[in-house]
Amino acid sequence: VLRPTLVRIGERVYRKNAIQEQPYQQEEEEDFSAVSPGDCSDEPCDAFVVEETEKGFQCRVEVPSPLYKYIIGKKGETKKRLETETRTSISIPKPGVEGEIVITGQQRSGVTSARTRLDVLLDSFRRKQPFTHFLSLPLNQPNIQERFLQFKEEVLEKCSQDPGVSSSLFQNPAKLHLTLGTLVLLNEQEIQRACDLLQRCKEDFVEQIAGGEPLTVEVAGVEYMNDDPAVVDVLYAKVHMKDGSDRLQVIADRLVERFVASGLMLKEWDRVKLHATVMNTLFRKDPSAEERHNPAPGRSSCKERESFSGRNILKLFENFYFGEVRLDSVRLSQRFSSDASGYYATSGQL
């Protein structure tokens, strides 16, 4: 109670009161009751514009069309409740049509309250969406792929009898990469915003830190994510700058910081964990799966995952050398996609 959860939306931070958690329901059953009126402050602020009109006041907000259904709610109940409690009218574009949601009312305070609650509601539902894109650094150069395939062959040769170990666990070599952070981009406008921000980051600090040259890194050694080597879900290769500097870490941290500040990415950790996944139990059922570092509330990323024992792999391949690579781009990669090289399709890059 004394240290409530903080919800960051753009440049604004809300206190979220403690409420009883409800089991996750299917999307069509989502209701405004998931976020109670007491979950946010209705105090006016200057974070958005409320215009005065001949009939009262109005506020416009851009919302991706996939989120309209959450505002409408089951049988329109969410929208009706919001309108009734704030004494406003909310106009929503037709399904699938991108546009602005317009809130109108006779009182400025009512319009401000509706907008504030709408922001909190949308933030809550956005967090439940599967991520669509991620910032990545490709590690699929031919020499790395070759060494990775050798690693896979040797692991299966020496450790295939270990519990849970099978060929289905291994990453597609064409998709080897570092993930800096995941994003939920629900329309072309949001994708363009992310691309534009990536270019601004290049101009603001990336080129200066990198010195205008590709960063040479070494991919060597393996480590596991959890605290028990006998029950592993993710095994990853470690990455470090060849010159011993922390320039890659600094660039990664500052990129994520900028994307979080813009509202395009959720804050997950204080520092980016630089790692390249080589084995993942998610791949057993879906070779194209990608791990979300911060699963949506109410959903478990480990559901129905069959872990494997990494004891022998860690003992035999602790210092396995995957190779040296020059990193020359950060990409906004599309989940569940492939380009001509086999890597993820790219929406933008620096």
Protein backbone atom coordinates (compact mmCIF):
# COMPACT_ATOMS: atom_id res chain seq x y z
CA VAL A 1 0.00 0.00 0.00
CA LEU A 2 2.84 2.38 0.88
CA ARG A 3 4.77 1.50 -2.30
CA PRO A 4 2.14 1.10 -5.04
CA THR A 5 2.95 -0.13 -8.53
CA LEU A 6 3.80 2.70 -10.92
CA VAL A 7 2.42 2.62 -14.46
CA ARG A 8 4.40 4.70 -16.98
CA ILE A 9 2.49 5.98 -20.03
CA GLY A 10 4.62 8.22 -22.23
CA GLU A 11 5.89 11.05 -20.03
CA ARG A 12 3.32 10.39 -17.29
CA VAL A 13 3.43 8.08 -14.28
CA TYR A 14 0.31 6.79 -12.48
CA ARG A 15 -0.02 5.07 -9.11
CA LYS A 16 -1.90 1.78 -9.45
CA ASN A 17 -3.86 0.79 -6.35
CA ALA A 18 -3.74 -2.82 -5.19
CA ILE A 19 -6.68 -4.84 -6.48
CA GLN A 20 -7.55 -8.49 -6.38
CA GLU A 21 -6.02 -10.23 -9.39
CA GLN A 22 -8.45 -11.99 -11.70
CA PRO A 23 -7.56 -14.96 -13.92
CA TYR A 24 -6.80 -14.00 -17.49
CA GLN A 25 -9.84 -14.21 -19.74
CA GLN A 26 -10.14 -14.47 -23.48
CA GLU A 27 -9.96 -11.20 -25.37
CA GLU A 28 -13.65 -11.06 -26.16
CA GLU A 29 -14.41 -11.21 -22.44
CA GLU A 30 -12.14 -8.32 -21.46
CA ASP A 31 -14.01 -5.80 -19.38
CA PHE A 32 -13.36 -2.34 -18.03
CA SER A 33 -13.64 -3.81 -14.53
CA ALA A 34 -10.11 -5.14 -15.02
CA VAL A 35 -8.99 -1.57 -14.31
CA SER A 36 -11.11 0.07 -11.67
CA PRO A 37 -11.86 3.81 -11.56
CA GLY A 38 -9.68 4.05 -8.47
CA ASP A 39 -6.62 2.77 -10.29
CA CYS A 40 -5.64 6.17 -11.59
CA SER A 41 -5.84 9.82 -10.74
CA ASP A 42 -8.41 11.97 -12.55
CA GLU A 43 -6.53 15.19 -11.83
CA PRO A 44 -6.13 17.36 -14.93
CA CYS A 45 -2.67 17.61 -16.44
CA ASP A 46 -1.05 19.11 -19.49
CA ALA A 47 0.15 15.80 -20.95
CA PHE A 48 -2.63 15.94 -23.55
CA VAL A 49 -4.73 18.64 -25.17
CA VAL A 50 -8.38 19.21 -24.25
CA GLU A 51 -9.97 21.58 -26.76
CA GLU A 52 -12.91 23.84 -26.04
CA THR A 53 -15.71 23.63 -28.62
CA GLU A 54 -19.09 25.28 -29.12
CA LYS A 55 -20.77 22.38 -27.32
CA GLY A 56 -18.21 21.85 -24.56
CA PHE A 57 -14.83 20.12 -24.67
CA GLN A 58 -13.13 17.37 -26.64
CA CYS A 59 -9.91 15.38 -26.68
CA ARG A 60 -8.46 13.31 -29.51
CA VAL A 61 -6.25 10.27 -29.04
CA GLU A 62 -4.57 8.03 -31.61
CA VAL A 63 -5.22 4.38 -30.86
CA PRO A 64 -4.22 1.41 -33.08
CA SER A 65 -7.33 -0.29 -34.48
CA PRO A 66 -6.51 -3.71 -32.89
CA LEU A 67 -7.16 -2.10 -29.49
CA TYR A 68 -10.62 -0.74 -30.29
CA LYS A 69 -12.30 -3.92 -29.07
CA TYR A 70 -10.84 -3.48 -25.60
CA ILE A 71 -12.31 0.02 -25.31
CA ILE A 72 -15.69 -1.17 -26.55
CA GLY A 73 -15.71 -4.27 -24.34
CA LYS A 74 -18.08 -7.21 -24.34
CA LYS A 75 -21.45 -6.05 -25.74
CA GLY A 76 -20.19 -2.46 -25.53
CA GLU A 77 -20.14 -2.52 -21.73
CA THR A 78 -16.67 -1.02 -21.25
CA LYS A 79 -17.39 1.99 -23.44
CA LYS A 80 -20.82 2.56 -21.87
CA ARG A 81 -19.43 2.40 -18.37
CA LEU A 82 -16.62 4.81 -19.16
CA GLU A 83 -19.04 7.25 -20.78
CA THR A 84 -21.53 7.03 -17.90
CA GLU A 85 -18.98 7.50 -15.13
CA THR A 86 -17.28 10.47 -16.79
CA ARG A 87 -20.38 11.95 -18.44
CA THR A 88 -18.75 11.97 -21.85
CA SER A 89 -19.31 10.53 -25.31
CA ILE A 90 -16.59 8.42 -26.94
CA SER A 91 -16.47 8.12 -30.73
CA ILE A 92 -14.48 5.16 -32.07
CA PRO A 93 -13.64 4.51 -35.76
CA LYS A 94 -15.01 1.40 -37.44
CA PRO A 95 -13.13 -1.87 -36.81
CA GLY A 96 -9.95 -2.08 -38.87
CA VAL A 97 -10.01 1.61 -39.79
CA GLU A 98 -7.08 3.60 -38.39
CA GLY A 99 -8.04 6.96 -36.95
CA GLU A 100 -8.54 9.00 -33.82
CA ILE A 101 -10.83 8.25 -30.90
CA VAL A 102 -12.65 11.44 -29.92
CA ILE A 103 -13.86 12.09 -26.37
CA THR A 104 -16.46 14.86 -26.00
CA GLY A 105 -18.27 16.24 -22.98
CA GLN A 106 -19.74 19.38 -21.45
CA GLN A 107 -17.18 19.51 -18.62
CA ARG A 108 -13.41 19.70 -19.08
CA SER A 109 -12.94 17.57 -15.96
CA GLY A 110 -15.09 14.81 -17.41
CA VAL A 111 -13.15 14.72 -20.68
CA THR A 112 -9.85 14.75 -18.79
CA SER A 113 -11.03 11.91 -16.53
CA ALA A 114 -12.16 9.83 -19.52
CA ARG A 115 -8.85 10.36 -21.31
CA THR A 116 -6.83 9.47 -18.22
CA ARG A 117 -8.79 6.29 -17.64
CA LEU A 118 -8.59 5.42 -21.32
CA ASP A 119 -4.79 5.74 -21.21
CA VAL A 120 -4.51 3.41 -18.22
CA LEU A 121 -6.95 0.96 -19.79
CA LEU A 122 -5.02 0.88 -23.07
CA ASP A 123 -1.70 0.47 -21.30
CA SER A 124 -3.09 -2.51 -19.39
CA PHE A 125 -4.35 -4.23 -22.54
CA ARG A 126 -1.26 -3.38 -24.59
CA ARG A 127 0.84 -5.25 -22.04
CA LYS A 128 -1.19 -8.38 -22.79
CA GLN A 129 -0.45 -8.27 -26.51
CA PRO A 130 2.25 -10.61 -27.86
CA PHE A 131 5.22 -8.60 -29.05
CA THR A 132 5.41 -7.99 -32.79
CA HIS A 133 8.93 -6.59 -33.26
CA PHE A 134 12.27 -6.50 -31.48
CA LEU A 135 15.54 -4.60 -31.69
CA SER A 136 18.20 -7.05 -32.78
CA LEU A 137 21.87 -7.34 -33.71
CA PRO A 138 22.38 -10.11 -36.32
CA LEU A 139 24.96 -12.77 -35.45
CA ASN A 140 24.29 -14.96 -38.49
CA GLN A 141 27.54 -14.34 -40.37
CA PRO A 142 28.85 -17.48 -42.14
CA ASN A 143 31.71 -18.13 -39.69
CA ILE A 144 29.38 -17.93 -36.69
CA GLN A 145 26.81 -20.19 -38.35
CA GLU A 146 29.49 -22.75 -39.15
CA ARG A 147 30.76 -22.85 -35.57
CA PHE A 148 27.21 -22.98 -34.22
CA LEU A 149 26.43 -26.03 -36.37
CA GLN A 150 29.62 -27.64 -35.04
CA PHE A 151 28.47 -26.85 -31.49
CA LYS A 152 25.09 -28.44 -32.21
CA GLU A 153 26.68 -31.54 -33.72
CA GLU A 154 29.03 -32.03 -30.77
CA VAL A 155 26.31 -31.46 -28.17
CA LEU A 156 24.06 -34.05 -29.81
CA GLU A 157 26.99 -36.45 -30.11
CA LYS A 158 28.07 -36.14 -26.46
CA CYS A 159 24.91 -35.14 -24.58
CA SER A 160 21.93 -36.59 -26.47
CA GLN A 161 21.26 -39.04 -23.64
CA ASP A 162 20.87 -36.24 -21.11
CA PRO A 163 17.27 -35.59 -19.98
CA GLY A 164 15.35 -33.41 -22.44
CA VAL A 165 18.20 -32.83 -24.91
CA SER A 166 17.20 -33.12 -28.58
CA SER A 167 17.90 -31.49 -31.94
CA SER A 168 14.60 -29.56 -31.74
CA LEU A 169 16.03 -27.28 -29.02
CA PHE A 170 18.56 -25.51 -31.23
CA GLN A 171 18.21 -22.07 -32.77
CA ASN A 172 17.99 -21.73 -36.56
CA PRO A 173 21.57 -20.69 -37.44
CA ALA A 174 20.30 -18.11 -39.96
CA LYS A 175 18.46 -16.37 -37.11
CA LEU A 176 21.26 -16.12 -34.54
CA HIS A 177 21.08 -12.68 -32.94
CA LEU A 178 21.23 -10.49 -29.86
CA THR A 179 17.87 -9.16 -28.65
CA LEU A 180 18.00 -5.70 -27.07
CA GLY A 181 14.28 -5.36 -26.34
CA THR A 182 10.81 -6.28 -27.57
CA LEU A 183 8.06 -3.99 -28.88
CA VAL A 184 4.31 -4.17 -29.50
CA LEU A 185 3.74 -2.19 -32.70
CA LEU A 186 0.13 -2.49 -33.79
CA ASN A 187 -0.07 -0.37 -36.95
CA GLU A 188 2.09 1.23 -39.62
CA GLN A 189 2.21 4.54 -37.75
CA GLU A 190 3.78 2.90 -34.69
CA ILE A 191 6.27 1.02 -36.86
CA GLN A 192 7.26 4.30 -38.52
CA ARG A 193 7.66 5.96 -35.11
CA ALA A 194 10.04 3.19 -34.08
CA CYS A 195 12.04 3.51 -37.32
CA ASP A 196 12.29 7.29 -36.90
CA LEU A 197 13.44 6.94 -33.30
CA LEU A 198 16.09 4.43 -34.34
CA GLN A 199 17.51 6.94 -36.81
CA ARG A 200 17.51 9.71 -34.19
CA CYS A 201 19.42 7.43 -31.83
CA LYS A 202 22.02 6.88 -34.53
CA GLU A 203 22.51 10.62 -34.92
CA ASP A 204 22.32 11.43 -31.20
CA PHE A 205 24.75 8.91 -29.72
CA VAL A 206 25.33 5.60 -31.57
CA GLU A 207 27.76 6.92 -34.17
CA GLN A 208 29.70 8.85 -31.54
CA ILE A 209 30.06 5.87 -29.19
CA ALA A 210 30.92 3.47 -32.03
CA GLY A 211 33.38 5.95 -33.52
CA GLY A 212 31.79 5.53 -36.94
CA GLU A 213 33.11 1.96 -37.21
CA PRO A 214 31.53 -1.50 -36.77
CA LEU A 215 31.95 -2.99 -33.30
CA THR A 216 34.07 -6.15 -33.22
CA VAL A 217 32.77 -8.67 -30.72
CA GLU A 218 33.61 -12.23 -29.75
CA VAL A 219 30.94 -14.86 -29.18
CA ALA A 220 32.35 -17.36 -26.71
CA GLY A 221 31.17 -19.53 -23.86
CA VAL A 222 27.69 -20.69 -22.88
CA GLU A 223 25.52 -19.94 -19.86
CA TYR A 224 21.97 -20.69 -18.71
CA MET A 225 19.15 -18.37 -17.63
CA ASN A 226 17.83 -19.92 -14.44
CA ASP A 227 19.49 -21.08 -11.21
CA ASP A 228 19.48 -24.86 -11.73
CA PRO A 229 21.68 -26.35 -14.48
CA ALA A 230 19.66 -29.58 -14.29
CA VAL A 231 16.44 -27.76 -15.27
CA VAL A 232 17.23 -25.39 -18.16
CA ASP A 233 14.88 -23.68 -20.61
CA VAL A 234 17.31 -21.26 -22.30
CA LEU A 235 21.01 -21.76 -23.00
CA TYR A 236 22.80 -18.79 -24.54
CA ALA A 237 26.19 -17.82 -25.94
CA LYS A 238 28.00 -14.95 -24.23
CA VAL A 239 29.08 -11.88 -26.18
CA HIS A 240 31.77 -9.34 -25.33
CA MET A 241 33.71 -6.57 -27.06
CA LYS A 242 37.05 -7.79 -28.40
CA ASP A 243 38.80 -4.63 -27.17
CA GLY A 244 37.46 -5.17 -23.65
CA SER A 245 35.42 -1.96 -23.68
CA ASP A 246 31.77 -1.62 -22.68
CA ARG A 247 30.72 0.29 -25.82
CA LEU A 248 28.22 -2.35 -26.97
CA GLN A 249 26.62 -2.45 -23.52
CA VAL A 250 26.40 1.36 -23.42
CA ILE A 251 24.77 1.52 -26.86
CA ALA A 252 22.31 -1.25 -25.98
CA ASP A 253 21.34 0.37 -22.67
CA ARG A 254 20.89 3.82 -24.18
CA LEU A 255 18.82 2.50 -27.09
CA VAL A 256 16.45 0.72 -24.72
CA GLU A 257 16.32 3.78 -22.46
CA ARG A 258 15.23 5.96 -25.38
CA PHE A 259 12.62 3.47 -26.58
CA VAL A 260 11.20 3.08 -23.08
CA ALA A 261 11.01 6.87 -22.66
CA SER A 262 9.11 7.12 -25.96
CA GLY A 263 6.49 4.63 -24.76
CA LEU A 264 7.32 2.17 -27.56
CA MET A 265 8.98 -0.36 -25.22
CA LEU A 266 8.34 -1.56 -21.67
CA LYS A 267 11.13 -1.32 -19.13
CA GLU A 268 12.26 -4.84 -18.21
CA TRP A 269 15.72 -4.58 -16.66
CA ASP A 270 18.10 -1.86 -15.52
CA ARG A 271 20.67 -3.18 -18.02
CA VAL A 272 20.31 -5.13 -21.25
CA LYS A 273 21.52 -8.70 -20.88
CA LEU A 274 23.68 -9.27 -23.96
CA HIS A 275 23.16 -12.87 -24.98
CA ALA A 276 22.58 -14.99 -28.07
CA THR A 277 20.12 -17.83 -27.56
CA VAL A 278 21.45 -21.13 -28.91
CA MET A 279 19.01 -23.56 -27.25
CA ASN A 280 15.47 -22.86 -26.12
CA THR A 281 12.70 -25.24 -25.01
CA LEU A 282 10.17 -23.03 -26.82
CA PHE A 283 11.67 -24.31 -30.09
CA ARG A 284 10.38 -27.84 -29.41
CA LYS A 285 6.89 -26.89 -30.61
CA ASP A 286 7.64 -23.70 -32.53
CA PRO A 287 11.04 -23.31 -34.25
CA SER A 288 10.23 -19.62 -34.92
CA ALA A 289 9.43 -18.82 -31.27
CA GLU A 290 10.97 -15.81 -29.58
CA GLU A 291 11.25 -15.36 -25.83
CA ARG A 292 9.61 -12.28 -24.35
CA HIS A 293 11.83 -11.20 -21.48
CA ASN A 294 8.90 -9.84 -19.48
CA PRO A 295 5.80 -12.01 -20.02
CA ALA A 296 2.39 -10.35 -19.89
CA PRO A 297 0.67 -10.52 -16.49
CA GLY A 298 -1.51 -13.57 -16.18
CA ARG A 299 0.39 -15.53 -18.82
CA SER A 300 3.29 -17.86 -18.23
CA SER A 301 6.09 -18.12 -20.77
CA CYS A 302 6.99 -21.49 -19.28
CA LYS A 303 3.60 -23.12 -19.78
CA GLU A 304 3.95 -26.67 -21.08
CA ARG A 305 7.70 -26.29 -21.56
CA GLU A 306 9.83 -29.40 -21.18
CA SER A 307 13.14 -28.35 -19.62
CA PHE A 308 16.44 -30.09 -20.31
CA SER A 309 19.51 -30.88 -18.24
CA GLY A 310 22.41 -28.60 -19.09
CA ARG A 311 24.96 -30.00 -16.63
CA ASN A 312 27.08 -31.87 -19.15
CA ILE A 313 26.70 -29.23 -21.86
CA LEU A 314 27.95 -26.56 -19.47
CA LYS A 315 30.82 -28.75 -18.33
CA LEU A 316 31.95 -29.72 -21.84
CA PHE A 317 31.21 -26.48 -23.73
CA GLU A 318 31.62 -23.80 -21.07
CA ASN A 319 34.27 -22.02 -23.16
CA PHE A 320 33.16 -23.00 -26.67
CA TYR A 321 34.34 -20.38 -29.18
CA PHE A 322 31.70 -19.41 -31.74
CA GLY A 323 33.80 -16.78 -33.44
CA GLU A 324 34.43 -13.11 -34.04
CA VAL A 325 31.96 -10.80 -35.76
CA ARG A 326 31.71 -7.14 -36.75
CA LEU A 327 28.40 -5.58 -35.75
CA ASP A 328 27.42 -2.81 -38.15
CA SER A 329 23.65 -2.45 -37.70
CA VAL A 330 20.81 -2.52 -35.20
CA ARG A 331 17.58 -3.73 -36.77
CA LEU A 332 13.91 -3.39 -36.03
CA SER A 333 13.06 -7.02 -36.74
CA GLN A 334 9.62 -8.50 -37.36
CA ARG A 335 8.65 -11.49 -35.31
CA PHE A 336 7.65 -14.69 -37.21
CA SER A 337 9.27 -13.52 -40.47
CA SER A 338 12.21 -14.26 -42.75
CA ASP A 339 14.09 -12.34 -45.42
CA ALA A 340 16.06 -13.74 -48.37
CA SER A 341 19.01 -14.63 -46.12
CA GLY A 342 16.83 -16.51 -43.66
CA TYR A 343 17.15 -13.77 -41.02
CA TYR A 344 14.14 -11.86 -39.70
CA ALA A 345 12.52 -9.35 -42.06
CA THR A 346 13.58 -5.83 -41.20
CA SER A 347 11.22 -2.85 -40.76
CA GLY A 348 14.08 -0.41 -40.20
CA GLN A 349 17.72 -0.26 -39.12
CA LEU A 350 20.60 1.99 -38.19
